[in-house]
Amino acid sequence: MRSQKIQYQSKEFHCSLAFALHLIGDKYKSLILYHLKDGAMRSGELQKSITDISNRMFTYSIRKLENDNLVKRKVYPVTPPKVEYELTDEGKSLIPIIIQLNEWGQNFANKNYLYAPAE
């Protein structure tokens, strides 16, 4: 069978896994998607829910997810501006996979005694 390439936003992918990882592969994109799984969140609330994310990285990641049609943004015409983010249908379709990755990480950490006691 002849291999096919995926062309997306001026990039070529010769592997569908490489394409999927391009969309959600970095740490923050996956965490943003995970935190939006229960519904829309305000921008500040969403950013605070993700440990160690800078404002710049949050803005970069959320905009990439929005451009890739995984997250949608709603701006309310109030002062100060109110912005909410929520998953699109495509974003929602990723949640079972992200939850499985989370469970795999928990099982791996348990099996290898990687959890440290909380203080």
PDB file of N, CA and C in Angstrom:
ATOM      1  N   MET A   1       0.838  -1.182   0.000  1.00  0.00           N
ATOM      2  CA  MET A   1       0.000   0.000   0.000  1.00  0.00           C
ATOM      3  C   MET A   1       0.880   1.241   0.000  1.00  0.00           C
ATOM      4  N   ARG A   2       0.556   2.190  -0.838  1.00  0.00           N
ATOM      5  CA  ARG A   2       1.318   3.432  -0.934  1.00  0.00           C
ATOM      6  C   ARG A   2       1.024   4.314   0.270  1.00  0.00           C
ATOM      7  N   SER A   3       2.054   4.890   0.837  1.00  0.00           N
ATOM      8  CA  SER A   3       1.830   5.750   2.001  1.00  0.00           C
ATOM      9  C   SER A   3       1.231   7.077   1.555  1.00  0.00           C
ATOM     10  N   GLN A   4       0.402   7.631   2.405  1.00  0.00           N
ATOM     11  CA  GLN A   4      -0.221   8.911   2.126  1.00  0.00           C
ATOM     12  C   GLN A   4       0.342   9.947   3.080  1.00  0.00           C
ATOM     13  N   LYS A   5       0.341  11.171   2.636  1.00  0.00           N
ATOM     14  CA  LYS A   5       0.799  12.233   3.513  1.00  0.00           C
ATOM     15  C   LYS A   5      -0.381  13.120   3.880  1.00  0.00           C
ATOM     16  N   ILE A   6      -0.277  13.714   5.039  1.00  0.00           N
ATOM     17  CA  ILE A   6      -1.281  14.640   5.527  1.00  0.00           C
ATOM     18  C   ILE A   6      -0.698  16.030   5.378  1.00  0.00           C
ATOM     19  N   GLN A   7      -1.434  16.910   4.737  1.00  0.00           N
ATOM     20  CA  GLN A   7      -1.005  18.295   4.604  1.00  0.00           C
ATOM     21  C   GLN A   7      -1.911  19.142   5.478  1.00  0.00           C
ATOM     22  N   TYR A   8      -1.297  19.868   6.399  1.00  0.00           N
ATOM     23  CA  TYR A   8      -2.065  20.661   7.355  1.00  0.00           C
ATOM     24  C   TYR A   8      -1.306  21.933   7.677  1.00  0.00           C
ATOM     25  N   GLN A   9      -1.910  23.063   7.390  1.00  0.00           N
ATOM     26  CA  GLN A   9      -1.329  24.374   7.676  1.00  0.00           C
ATOM     27  C   GLN A   9       0.130  24.476   7.240  1.00  0.00           C
ATOM     28  N   SER A  10       0.377  24.236   5.998  1.00  0.00           N
ATOM     29  CA  SER A  10       1.686  24.328   5.349  1.00  0.00           C
ATOM     30  C   SER A  10       2.724  23.337   5.890  1.00  0.00           C
ATOM     31  N   LYS A  11       2.264  22.295   6.559  1.00  0.00           N
ATOM     32  CA  LYS A  11       3.183  21.250   7.018  1.00  0.00           C
ATOM     33  C   LYS A  11       2.741  19.922   6.428  1.00  0.00           C
ATOM     34  N   GLU A  12       3.706  19.032   6.241  1.00  0.00           N
ATOM     35  CA  GLU A  12       3.412  17.687   5.753  1.00  0.00           C
ATOM     36  C   GLU A  12       3.731  16.674   6.829  1.00  0.00           C
ATOM     37  N   PHE A  13       2.842  15.707   6.972  1.00  0.00           N
ATOM     38  CA  PHE A  13       3.029  14.621   7.934  1.00  0.00           C
ATOM     39  C   PHE A  13       2.909  13.312   7.169  1.00  0.00           C
ATOM     40  N   HIS A  14       3.887  12.450   7.339  1.00  0.00           N
ATOM     41  CA  HIS A  14       3.880  11.155   6.659  1.00  0.00           C
ATOM     42  C   HIS A  14       3.369  10.055   7.589  1.00  0.00           C
ATOM     43  N   CYS A  15       2.945  10.462   8.758  1.00  0.00           N
ATOM     44  CA  CYS A  15       2.461   9.515   9.763  1.00  0.00           C
ATOM     45  C   CYS A  15       1.307  10.173  10.509  1.00  0.00           C
ATOM     46  N   SER A  16       0.193   9.479  10.621  1.00  0.00           N
ATOM     47  CA  SER A  16      -0.969  10.069  11.297  1.00  0.00           C
ATOM     48  C   SER A  16      -0.706  10.267  12.788  1.00  0.00           C
ATOM     49  N   LEU A  17       0.159   9.448  13.387  1.00  0.00           N
ATOM     50  CA  LEU A  17       0.501   9.645  14.802  1.00  0.00           C
ATOM     51  C   LEU A  17       1.290  10.941  14.974  1.00  0.00           C
ATOM     52  N   ALA A  18       2.210  11.207  14.075  1.00  0.00           N
ATOM     53  CA  ALA A  18       2.966  12.463  14.133  1.00  0.00           C
ATOM     54  C   ALA A  18       2.017  13.657  14.002  1.00  0.00           C
ATOM     55  N   PHE A  19       1.012  13.533  13.153  1.00  0.00           N
ATOM     56  CA  PHE A  19       0.026  14.590  12.993  1.00  0.00           C
ATOM     57  C   PHE A  19      -0.781  14.784  14.276  1.00  0.00           C
ATOM     58  N   ALA A  20      -1.257  13.689  14.873  1.00  0.00           N
ATOM     59  CA  ALA A  20      -2.034  13.777  16.114  1.00  0.00           C
ATOM     60  C   ALA A  20      -1.202  14.397  17.230  1.00  0.00           C
ATOM     61  N   LEU A  21       0.065  13.996  17.332  1.00  0.00           N
ATOM     62  CA  LEU A  21       0.930  14.555  18.367  1.00  0.00           C
ATOM     63  C   LEU A  21       1.225  16.030  18.112  1.00  0.00           C
ATOM     64  N   HIS A  22       1.250  16.433  16.864  1.00  0.00           N
ATOM     65  CA  HIS A  22       1.411  17.849  16.550  1.00  0.00           C
ATOM     66  C   HIS A  22       0.240  18.645  17.127  1.00  0.00           C
ATOM     67  N   LEU A  23      -0.958  18.085  17.048  1.00  0.00           N
ATOM     68  CA  LEU A  23      -2.149  18.780  17.530  1.00  0.00           C
ATOM     69  C   LEU A  23      -2.233  18.834  19.057  1.00  0.00           C
ATOM     70  N   ILE A  24      -1.884  17.745  19.738  1.00  0.00           N
ATOM     71  CA  ILE A  24      -2.088  17.695  21.194  1.00  0.00           C
ATOM     72  C   ILE A  24      -0.852  17.276  21.966  1.00  0.00           C
ATOM     73  N   GLY A  25       0.260  17.072  21.283  1.00  0.00           N
ATOM     74  CA  GLY A  25       1.406  16.419  21.879  1.00  0.00           C
ATOM     75  C   GLY A  25       2.144  17.145  22.974  1.00  0.00           C
ATOM     76  N   ASP A  26       2.107  18.478  22.975  1.00  0.00           N
ATOM     77  CA  ASP A  26       2.884  19.100  24.041  1.00  0.00           C
ATOM     78  C   ASP A  26       2.120  19.046  25.360  1.00  0.00           C
ATOM     79  N   LYS A  27       2.841  19.157  26.413  1.00  0.00           N
ATOM     80  CA  LYS A  27       2.310  18.998  27.768  1.00  0.00           C
ATOM     81  C   LYS A  27       1.125  19.906  28.051  1.00  0.00           C
ATOM     82  N   TYR A  28       1.210  21.136  27.668  1.00  0.00           N
ATOM     83  CA  TYR A  28       0.174  22.090  28.045  1.00  0.00           C
ATOM     84  C   TYR A  28      -1.099  21.949  27.240  1.00  0.00           C
ATOM     85  N   LYS A  29      -1.000  21.621  25.964  1.00  0.00           N
ATOM     86  CA  LYS A  29      -2.213  21.432  25.175  1.00  0.00           C
ATOM     87  C   LYS A  29      -3.052  20.299  25.753  1.00  0.00           C
ATOM     88  N   SER A  30      -2.414  19.199  26.072  1.00  0.00           N
ATOM     89  CA  SER A  30      -3.137  18.056  26.639  1.00  0.00           C
ATOM     90  C   SER A  30      -3.760  18.400  27.985  1.00  0.00           C
ATOM     91  N   LEU A  31      -3.040  19.156  28.798  1.00  0.00           N
ATOM     92  CA  LEU A  31      -3.579  19.551  30.104  1.00  0.00           C
ATOM     93  C   LEU A  31      -4.751  20.510  29.962  1.00  0.00           C
ATOM     94  N   ILE A  32      -4.672  21.426  29.026  1.00  0.00           N
ATOM     95  CA  ILE A  32      -5.792  22.342  28.786  1.00  0.00           C
ATOM     96  C   ILE A  32      -7.024  21.546  28.373  1.00  0.00           C
ATOM     97  N   LEU A  33      -6.852  20.627  27.440  1.00  0.00           N
ATOM     98  CA  LEU A  33      -7.973  19.794  27.006  1.00  0.00           C
ATOM     99  C   LEU A  33      -8.549  19.009  28.182  1.00  0.00           C
ATOM    100  N   TYR A  34      -7.677  18.430  28.999  1.00  0.00           N
ATOM    101  CA  TYR A  34      -8.120  17.641  30.151  1.00  0.00           C
ATOM    102  C   TYR A  34      -8.932  18.498  31.125  1.00  0.00           C
ATOM    103  N   HIS A  35      -8.475  19.693  31.400  1.00  0.00           N
ATOM    104  CA  HIS A  35      -9.172  20.557  32.362  1.00  0.00           C
ATOM    105  C   HIS A  35     -10.491  21.102  31.815  1.00  0.00           C
ATOM    106  N   LEU A  36     -10.658  21.094  30.514  1.00  0.00           N
ATOM    107  CA  LEU A  36     -11.917  21.545  29.918  1.00  0.00           C
ATOM    108  C   LEU A  36     -12.930  20.412  29.751  1.00  0.00           C
ATOM    109  N   LYS A  37     -12.563  19.212  30.164  1.00  0.00           N
ATOM    110  CA  LYS A  37     -13.432  18.052  29.940  1.00  0.00           C
ATOM    111  C   LYS A  37     -14.788  18.166  30.625  1.00  0.00           C
ATOM    112  N   ASP A  38     -14.882  18.909  31.723  1.00  0.00           N
ATOM    113  CA  ASP A  38     -16.141  19.015  32.462  1.00  0.00           C
ATOM    114  C   ASP A  38     -16.974  20.228  32.060  1.00  0.00           C
ATOM    115  N   GLY A  39     -16.502  21.006  31.104  1.00  0.00           N
ATOM    116  CA  GLY A  39     -17.276  22.150  30.627  1.00  0.00           C
ATOM    117  C   GLY A  39     -16.437  23.403  30.492  1.00  0.00           C
ATOM    118  N   ALA A  40     -17.106  24.464  30.081  1.00  0.00           N
ATOM    119  CA  ALA A  40     -16.438  25.746  29.820  1.00  0.00           C
ATOM    120  C   ALA A  40     -15.794  26.299  31.090  1.00  0.00           C
ATOM    121  N   MET A  41     -14.679  26.990  30.887  1.00  0.00           N
ATOM    122  CA  MET A  41     -13.970  27.635  31.994  1.00  0.00           C
ATOM    123  C   MET A  41     -13.518  29.015  31.562  1.00  0.00           C
ATOM    124  N   ARG A  42     -13.514  29.918  32.518  1.00  0.00           N
ATOM    125  CA  ARG A  42     -12.968  31.254  32.252  1.00  0.00           C
ATOM    126  C   ARG A  42     -11.465  31.151  32.089  1.00  0.00           C
ATOM    127  N   SER A  43     -10.918  32.075  31.348  1.00  0.00           N
ATOM    128  CA  SER A  43      -9.506  32.066  31.014  1.00  0.00           C
ATOM    129  C   SER A  43      -8.608  31.986  32.250  1.00  0.00           C
ATOM    130  N   GLY A  44      -8.816  32.880  33.218  1.00  0.00           N
ATOM    131  CA  GLY A  44      -7.974  32.899  34.415  1.00  0.00           C
ATOM    132  C   GLY A  44      -8.099  31.639  35.237  1.00  0.00           C
ATOM    133  N   GLU A  45      -9.319  31.129  35.359  1.00  0.00           N
ATOM    134  CA  GLU A  45      -9.570  29.891  36.111  1.00  0.00           C
ATOM    135  C   GLU A  45      -8.860  28.705  35.447  1.00  0.00           C
ATOM    136  N   LEU A  46      -8.932  28.645  34.131  1.00  0.00           N
ATOM    137  CA  LEU A  46      -8.274  27.567  33.386  1.00  0.00           C
ATOM    138  C   LEU A  46      -6.769  27.644  33.550  1.00  0.00           C
ATOM    139  N   GLN A  47      -6.208  28.828  33.428  1.00  0.00           N
ATOM    140  CA  GLN A  47      -4.754  28.983  33.560  1.00  0.00           C
ATOM    141  C   GLN A  47      -4.292  28.605  34.959  1.00  0.00           C
ATOM    142  N   LYS A  48      -5.038  28.993  35.986  1.00  0.00           N
ATOM    143  CA  LYS A  48      -4.660  28.662  37.361  1.00  0.00           C
ATOM    144  C   LYS A  48      -4.757  27.167  37.647  1.00  0.00           C
ATOM    145  N   SER A  49      -5.588  26.449  36.894  1.00  0.00           N
ATOM    146  CA  SER A  49      -5.751  25.014  37.129  1.00  0.00           C
ATOM    147  C   SER A  49      -4.574  24.194  36.612  1.00  0.00           C
ATOM    148  N   ILE A  50      -3.692  24.826  35.846  1.00  0.00           N
ATOM    149  CA  ILE A  50      -2.549  24.122  35.262  1.00  0.00           C
ATOM    150  C   ILE A  50      -1.271  24.592  35.943  1.00  0.00           C
ATOM    151  N   THR A  51      -0.645  23.715  36.661  1.00  0.00           N
ATOM    152  CA  THR A  51       0.557  24.040  37.424  1.00  0.00           C
ATOM    153  C   THR A  51       1.711  24.429  36.504  1.00  0.00           C
ATOM    154  N   ASP A  52       2.413  25.473  36.884  1.00  0.00           N
ATOM    155  CA  ASP A  52       3.659  25.888  36.232  1.00  0.00           C
ATOM    156  C   ASP A  52       3.514  26.339  34.784  1.00  0.00           C
ATOM    157  N   ILE A  53       2.375  26.831  34.376  1.00  0.00           N
ATOM    158  CA  ILE A  53       2.249  27.351  33.013  1.00  0.00           C
ATOM    159  C   ILE A  53       2.353  28.874  33.071  1.00  0.00           C
ATOM    160  N   SER A  54       3.218  29.403  32.249  1.00  0.00           N
ATOM    161  CA  SER A  54       3.363  30.862  32.198  1.00  0.00           C
ATOM    162  C   SER A  54       2.209  31.455  31.386  1.00  0.00           C
ATOM    163  N   ASN A  55       1.982  32.726  31.552  1.00  0.00           N
ATOM    164  CA  ASN A  55       0.938  33.408  30.790  1.00  0.00           C
ATOM    165  C   ASN A  55       1.214  33.301  29.293  1.00  0.00           C
ATOM    166  N   ARG A  56       2.471  33.470  28.925  1.00  0.00           N
ATOM    167  CA  ARG A  56       2.852  33.391  27.512  1.00  0.00           C
ATOM    168  C   ARG A  56       2.584  32.009  26.932  1.00  0.00           C
ATOM    169  N   MET A  57       2.943  30.959  27.673  1.00  0.00           N
ATOM    170  CA  MET A  57       2.746  29.594  27.185  1.00  0.00           C
ATOM    171  C   MET A  57       1.265  29.235  27.146  1.00  0.00           C
ATOM    172  N   PHE A  58       0.510  29.727  28.135  1.00  0.00           N
ATOM    173  CA  PHE A  58      -0.933  29.489  28.127  1.00  0.00           C
ATOM    174  C   PHE A  58      -1.559  30.115  26.885  1.00  0.00           C
ATOM    175  N   THR A  59      -1.219  31.358  26.613  1.00  0.00           N
ATOM    176  CA  THR A  59      -1.766  32.066  25.456  1.00  0.00           C
ATOM    177  C   THR A  59      -1.398  31.355  24.161  1.00  0.00           C
ATOM    178  N   TYR A  60      -0.137  30.939  24.040  1.00  0.00           N
ATOM    179  CA  TYR A  60       0.318  30.218  22.844  1.00  0.00           C
ATOM    180  C   TYR A  60      -0.464  28.920  22.671  1.00  0.00           C
ATOM    181  N   SER A  61      -0.563  28.137  23.743  1.00  0.00           N
ATOM    182  CA  SER A  61      -1.199  26.822  23.659  1.00  0.00           C
ATOM    183  C   SER A  61      -2.691  26.927  23.378  1.00  0.00           C
ATOM    184  N   ILE A  62      -3.381  27.824  24.071  1.00  0.00           N
ATOM    185  CA  ILE A  62      -4.827  27.944  23.882  1.00  0.00           C
ATOM    186  C   ILE A  62      -5.142  28.447  22.473  1.00  0.00           C
ATOM    187  N   ARG A  63      -4.311  29.334  21.948  1.00  0.00           N
ATOM    188  CA  ARG A  63      -4.533  29.830  20.578  1.00  0.00           C
ATOM    189  C   ARG A  63      -4.300  28.735  19.546  1.00  0.00           C
ATOM    190  N   LYS A  64      -3.285  27.907  19.767  1.00  0.00           N
ATOM    191  CA  LYS A  64      -3.044  26.784  18.854  1.00  0.00           C
ATOM    192  C   LYS A  64      -4.234  25.818  18.886  1.00  0.00           C
ATOM    193  N   LEU A  65      -4.738  25.516  20.069  1.00  0.00           N
ATOM    194  CA  LEU A  65      -5.897  24.622  20.179  1.00  0.00           C
ATOM    195  C   LEU A  65      -7.123  25.231  19.504  1.00  0.00           C
ATOM    196  N   GLU A  66      -7.265  26.527  19.622  1.00  0.00           N
ATOM    197  CA  GLU A  66      -8.373  27.226  18.979  1.00  0.00           C
ATOM    198  C   GLU A  66      -8.220  27.192  17.453  1.00  0.00           C
ATOM    199  N   ASN A  67      -7.017  27.456  16.961  1.00  0.00           N
ATOM    200  CA  ASN A  67      -6.751  27.413  15.523  1.00  0.00           C
ATOM    201  C   ASN A  67      -6.949  26.022  14.942  1.00  0.00           C
ATOM    202  N   ASP A  68      -6.694  24.994  15.743  1.00  0.00           N
ATOM    203  CA  ASP A  68      -6.850  23.609  15.292  1.00  0.00           C
ATOM    204  C   ASP A  68      -8.271  23.091  15.499  1.00  0.00           C
ATOM    205  N   ASN A  69      -9.174  23.973  15.924  1.00  0.00           N
ATOM    206  CA  ASN A  69     -10.595  23.650  16.109  1.00  0.00           C
ATOM    207  C   ASN A  69     -10.831  22.585  17.177  1.00  0.00           C
ATOM    208  N   LEU A  70     -10.009  22.594  18.215  1.00  0.00           N
ATOM    209  CA  LEU A  70     -10.202  21.681  19.340  1.00  0.00           C
ATOM    210  C   LEU A  70     -10.841  22.397  20.525  1.00  0.00           C
ATOM    211  N   VAL A  71     -10.671  23.706  20.564  1.00  0.00           N
ATOM    212  CA  VAL A  71     -11.216  24.548  21.637  1.00  0.00           C
ATOM    213  C   VAL A  71     -11.882  25.751  20.983  1.00  0.00           C
ATOM    214  N   LYS A  72     -13.007  26.176  21.561  1.00  0.00           N
ATOM    215  CA  LYS A  72     -13.626  27.410  21.066  1.00  0.00           C
ATOM    216  C   LYS A  72     -13.654  28.439  22.182  1.00  0.00           C
ATOM    217  N   ARG A  73     -13.572  29.674  21.766  1.00  0.00           N
ATOM    218  CA  ARG A  73     -13.475  30.810  22.680  1.00  0.00           C
ATOM    219  C   ARG A  73     -14.745  31.636  22.560  1.00  0.00           C
ATOM    220  N   LYS A  74     -15.279  32.030  23.708  1.00  0.00           N
ATOM    221  CA  LYS A  74     -16.449  32.899  23.710  1.00  0.00           C
ATOM    222  C   LYS A  74     -16.105  34.143  24.515  1.00  0.00           C
ATOM    223  N   VAL A  75     -16.264  35.299  23.886  1.00  0.00           N
ATOM    224  CA  VAL A  75     -15.981  36.581  24.532  1.00  0.00           C
ATOM    225  C   VAL A  75     -17.311  37.257  24.827  1.00  0.00           C
ATOM    226  N   TYR A  76     -17.513  37.639  26.082  1.00  0.00           N
ATOM    227  CA  TYR A  76     -18.734  38.328  26.494  1.00  0.00           C
ATOM    228  C   TYR A  76     -18.494  39.838  26.449  1.00  0.00           C
ATOM    229  N   PRO A  77     -19.440  40.605  25.931  1.00  0.00           N
ATOM    230  CA  PRO A  77     -19.262  42.061  25.796  1.00  0.00           C
ATOM    231  C   PRO A  77     -19.519  42.794  27.112  1.00  0.00           C
ATOM    232  N   VAL A  78     -18.644  42.569  28.073  1.00  0.00           N
ATOM    233  CA  VAL A  78     -18.748  43.240  29.376  1.00  0.00           C
ATOM    234  C   VAL A  78     -17.402  43.865  29.707  1.00  0.00           C
ATOM    235  N   THR A  79     -17.406  44.744  30.705  1.00  0.00           N
ATOM    236  CA  THR A  79     -16.166  45.350  31.175  1.00  0.00           C
ATOM    237  C   THR A  79     -15.986  44.962  32.631  1.00  0.00           C
ATOM    238  N   PRO A  80     -14.867  44.373  33.020  1.00  0.00           N
ATOM    239  CA  PRO A  80     -13.754  43.926  32.181  1.00  0.00           C
ATOM    240  C   PRO A  80     -14.169  42.734  31.316  1.00  0.00           C
ATOM    241  N   PRO A  81     -13.429  42.491  30.246  1.00  0.00           N
ATOM    242  CA  PRO A  81     -13.799  41.415  29.320  1.00  0.00           C
ATOM    243  C   PRO A  81     -13.852  40.055  30.018  1.00  0.00           C
ATOM    244  N   LYS A  82     -14.852  39.286  29.668  1.00  0.00           N
ATOM    245  CA  LYS A  82     -14.996  37.925  30.179  1.00  0.00           C
ATOM    246  C   LYS A  82     -14.807  36.982  29.004  1.00  0.00           C
ATOM    247  N   VAL A  83     -13.855  36.057  29.143  1.00  0.00           N
ATOM    248  CA  VAL A  83     -13.557  35.093  28.085  1.00  0.00           C
ATOM    249  C   VAL A  83     -13.703  33.692  28.670  1.00  0.00           C
ATOM    250  N   GLU A  84     -14.419  32.834  27.950  1.00  0.00           N
ATOM    251  CA  GLU A  84     -14.552  31.432  28.335  1.00  0.00           C
ATOM    252  C   GLU A  84     -14.064  30.558  27.195  1.00  0.00           C
ATOM    253  N   TYR A  85     -13.519  29.412  27.585  1.00  0.00           N
ATOM    254  CA  TYR A  85     -13.078  28.417  26.614  1.00  0.00           C
ATOM    255  C   TYR A  85     -13.832  27.131  26.873  1.00  0.00           C
ATOM    256  N   GLU A  86     -14.158  26.428  25.787  1.00  0.00           N
ATOM    257  CA  GLU A  86     -14.767  25.113  25.914  1.00  0.00           C
ATOM    258  C   GLU A  86     -14.337  24.250  24.744  1.00  0.00           C
ATOM    259  N   LEU A  87     -14.504  22.957  24.903  1.00  0.00           N
ATOM    260  CA  LEU A  87     -14.110  22.016  23.873  1.00  0.00           C
ATOM    261  C   LEU A  87     -15.094  22.038  22.712  1.00  0.00           C
ATOM    262  N   THR A  88     -14.576  21.887  21.511  1.00  0.00           N
ATOM    263  CA  THR A  88     -15.419  21.650  20.350  1.00  0.00           C
ATOM    264  C   THR A  88     -15.751  20.157  20.329  1.00  0.00           C
ATOM    265  N   ASP A  89     -16.565  19.730  19.386  1.00  0.00           N
ATOM    266  CA  ASP A  89     -16.853  18.295  19.268  1.00  0.00           C
ATOM    267  C   ASP A  89     -15.576  17.503  19.003  1.00  0.00           C
ATOM    268  N   GLU A  90     -14.680  18.056  18.191  1.00  0.00           N
ATOM    269  CA  GLU A  90     -13.397  17.382  17.923  1.00  0.00           C
ATOM    270  C   GLU A  90     -12.560  17.290  19.194  1.00  0.00           C
ATOM    271  N   GLY A  91     -12.570  18.357  19.986  1.00  0.00           N
ATOM    272  CA  GLY A  91     -11.849  18.339  21.259  1.00  0.00           C
ATOM    273  C   GLY A  91     -12.434  17.320  22.226  1.00  0.00           C
ATOM    274  N   LYS A  92     -13.763  17.254  22.282  1.00  0.00           N
ATOM    275  CA  LYS A  92     -14.431  16.276  23.156  1.00  0.00           C
ATOM    276  C   LYS A  92     -14.084  14.847  22.767  1.00  0.00           C
ATOM    277  N   SER A  93     -13.883  14.609  21.473  1.00  0.00           N
ATOM    278  CA  SER A  93     -13.561  13.247  21.028  1.00  0.00           C
ATOM    279  C   SER A  93     -12.185  12.789  21.529  1.00  0.00           C
ATOM    280  N   LEU A  94     -11.339  13.724  21.944  1.00  0.00           N
ATOM    281  CA  LEU A  94     -10.010  13.369  22.463  1.00  0.00           C
ATOM    282  C   LEU A  94     -10.029  13.000  23.950  1.00  0.00           C
ATOM    283  N   ILE A  95     -11.065  13.383  24.669  1.00  0.00           N
ATOM    284  CA  ILE A  95     -11.096  13.201  26.122  1.00  0.00           C
ATOM    285  C   ILE A  95     -10.929  11.743  26.545  1.00  0.00           C
ATOM    286  N   PRO A  96     -11.610  10.765  25.935  1.00  0.00           N
ATOM    287  CA  PRO A  96     -11.377   9.372  26.356  1.00  0.00           C
ATOM    288  C   PRO A  96      -9.912   8.943  26.221  1.00  0.00           C
ATOM    289  N   ILE A  97      -9.248   9.425  25.181  1.00  0.00           N
ATOM    290  CA  ILE A  97      -7.836   9.083  24.970  1.00  0.00           C
ATOM    291  C   ILE A  97      -6.968   9.731  26.045  1.00  0.00           C
ATOM    292  N   ILE A  98      -7.239  10.991  26.358  1.00  0.00           N
ATOM    293  CA  ILE A  98      -6.458  11.698  27.371  1.00  0.00           C
ATOM    294  C   ILE A  98      -6.694  11.076  28.749  1.00  0.00           C
ATOM    295  N   ILE A  99      -7.917  10.666  29.035  1.00  0.00           N
ATOM    296  CA  ILE A  99      -8.212   9.998  30.307  1.00  0.00           C
ATOM    297  C   ILE A  99      -7.472   8.669  30.387  1.00  0.00           C
ATOM    298  N   GLN A 100      -7.406   7.935  29.283  1.00  0.00           N
ATOM    299  CA  GLN A 100      -6.645   6.680  29.272  1.00  0.00           C
ATOM    300  C   GLN A 100      -5.166   6.932  29.512  1.00  0.00           C
ATOM    301  N   LEU A 101      -4.611   7.988  28.931  1.00  0.00           N
ATOM    302  CA  LEU A 101      -3.208   8.328  29.185  1.00  0.00           C
ATOM    303  C   LEU A 101      -2.987   8.666  30.660  1.00  0.00           C
ATOM    304  N   ASN A 102      -3.935   9.388  31.246  1.00  0.00           N
ATOM    305  CA  ASN A 102      -3.856   9.726  32.665  1.00  0.00           C
ATOM    306  C   ASN A 102      -3.861   8.449  33.518  1.00  0.00           C
ATOM    307  N   GLU A 103      -4.769   7.535  33.217  1.00  0.00           N
ATOM    308  CA  GLU A 103      -4.841   6.274  33.962  1.00  0.00           C
ATOM    309  C   GLU A 103      -3.571   5.449  33.783  1.00  0.00           C
ATOM    310  N   TRP A 104      -3.042   5.430  32.560  1.00  0.00           N
ATOM    311  CA  TRP A 104      -1.793   4.711  32.311  1.00  0.00           C
ATOM    312  C   TRP A 104      -0.672   5.296  33.171  1.00  0.00           C
ATOM    313  N   GLY A 105      -0.594   6.627  33.241  1.00  0.00           N
ATOM    314  CA  GLY A 105       0.426   7.278  34.067  1.00  0.00           C
ATOM    315  C   GLY A 105       0.282   6.929  35.535  1.00  0.00           C
ATOM    316  N   GLN A 106      -0.956   6.890  36.024  1.00  0.00           N
ATOM    317  CA  GLN A 106      -1.190   6.505  37.420  1.00  0.00           C
ATOM    318  C   GLN A 106      -0.748   5.068  37.669  1.00  0.00           C
ATOM    319  N   ASN A 107      -1.116   4.157  36.771  1.00  0.00           N
ATOM    320  CA  ASN A 107      -0.736   2.744  36.930  1.00  0.00           C
ATOM    321  C   ASN A 107       0.774   2.563  36.867  1.00  0.00           C
ATOM    322  N   PHE A 108       1.418   3.235  35.946  1.00  0.00           N
ATOM    323  CA  PHE A 108       2.875   3.146  35.819  1.00  0.00           C
ATOM    324  C   PHE A 108       3.549   3.649  37.099  1.00  0.00           C
ATOM    325  N   ALA A 109       3.078   4.784  37.602  1.00  0.00           N
ATOM    326  CA  ALA A 109       3.656   5.336  38.830  1.00  0.00           C
ATOM    327  C   ALA A 109       3.433   4.397  40.012  1.00  0.00           C
ATOM    328  N   ASN A 110       2.251   3.800  40.093  1.00  0.00           N
ATOM    329  CA  ASN A 110       1.981   2.847  41.182  1.00  0.00           C
ATOM    330  C   ASN A 110       2.866   1.616  41.091  1.00  0.00           C
ATOM    331  N   LYS A 111       2.954   1.014  39.906  1.00  0.00           N
ATOM    332  CA  LYS A 111       3.739  -0.208  39.717  1.00  0.00           C
ATOM    333  C   LYS A 111       5.219   0.011  39.997  1.00  0.00           C
ATOM    334  N   ASN A 112       5.699   1.208  39.738  1.00  0.00           N
ATOM    335  CA  ASN A 112       7.119   1.505  39.896  1.00  0.00           C
ATOM    336  C   ASN A 112       7.421   2.334  41.143  1.00  0.00           C
ATOM    337  N   TYR A 113       6.448   2.388  42.035  1.00  0.00           N
ATOM    338  CA  TYR A 113       6.602   3.076  43.329  1.00  0.00           C
ATOM    339  C   TYR A 113       7.150   4.504  43.168  1.00  0.00           C
ATOM    340  N   LEU A 114       6.532   5.253  42.285  1.00  0.00           N
ATOM    341  CA  LEU A 114       7.025   6.597  41.991  1.00  0.00           C
ATOM    342  C   LEU A 114       6.310   7.692  42.759  1.00  0.00           C
ATOM    343  N   TYR A 115       5.217   7.347  43.425  1.00  0.00           N
ATOM    344  CA  TYR A 115       4.499   8.360  44.206  1.00  0.00           C
ATOM    345  C   TYR A 115       5.285   8.668  45.471  1.00  0.00           C
ATOM    346  N   ALA A 116       5.464   9.954  45.760  1.00  0.00           N
ATOM    347  CA  ALA A 116       6.136  10.384  46.983  1.00  0.00           C
ATOM    348  C   ALA A 116       5.069  10.727  48.014  1.00  0.00           C
ATOM    349  N   PRO A 117       5.362  10.531  49.289  1.00  0.00           N
ATOM    350  CA  PRO A 117       4.370  10.894  50.303  1.00  0.00           C
ATOM    351  C   PRO A 117       4.127  12.400  50.304  1.00  0.00           C
ATOM    352  N   ALA A 118       2.867  12.764  50.492  1.00  0.00           N
ATOM    353  CA  ALA A 118       2.518  14.186  50.553  1.00  0.00           C
ATOM    354  C   ALA A 118       2.879  14.738  51.920  1.00  0.00           C
ATOM    355  N   GLU A 119       3.254  15.981  51.940  1.00  0.00           N
ATOM    356  CA  GLU A 119       3.616  16.604  53.228  1.00  0.00           C
ATOM    357  C   GLU A 119       2.448  17.296  53.845  1.00  0.00           C
TER     358      GLU A 119
END
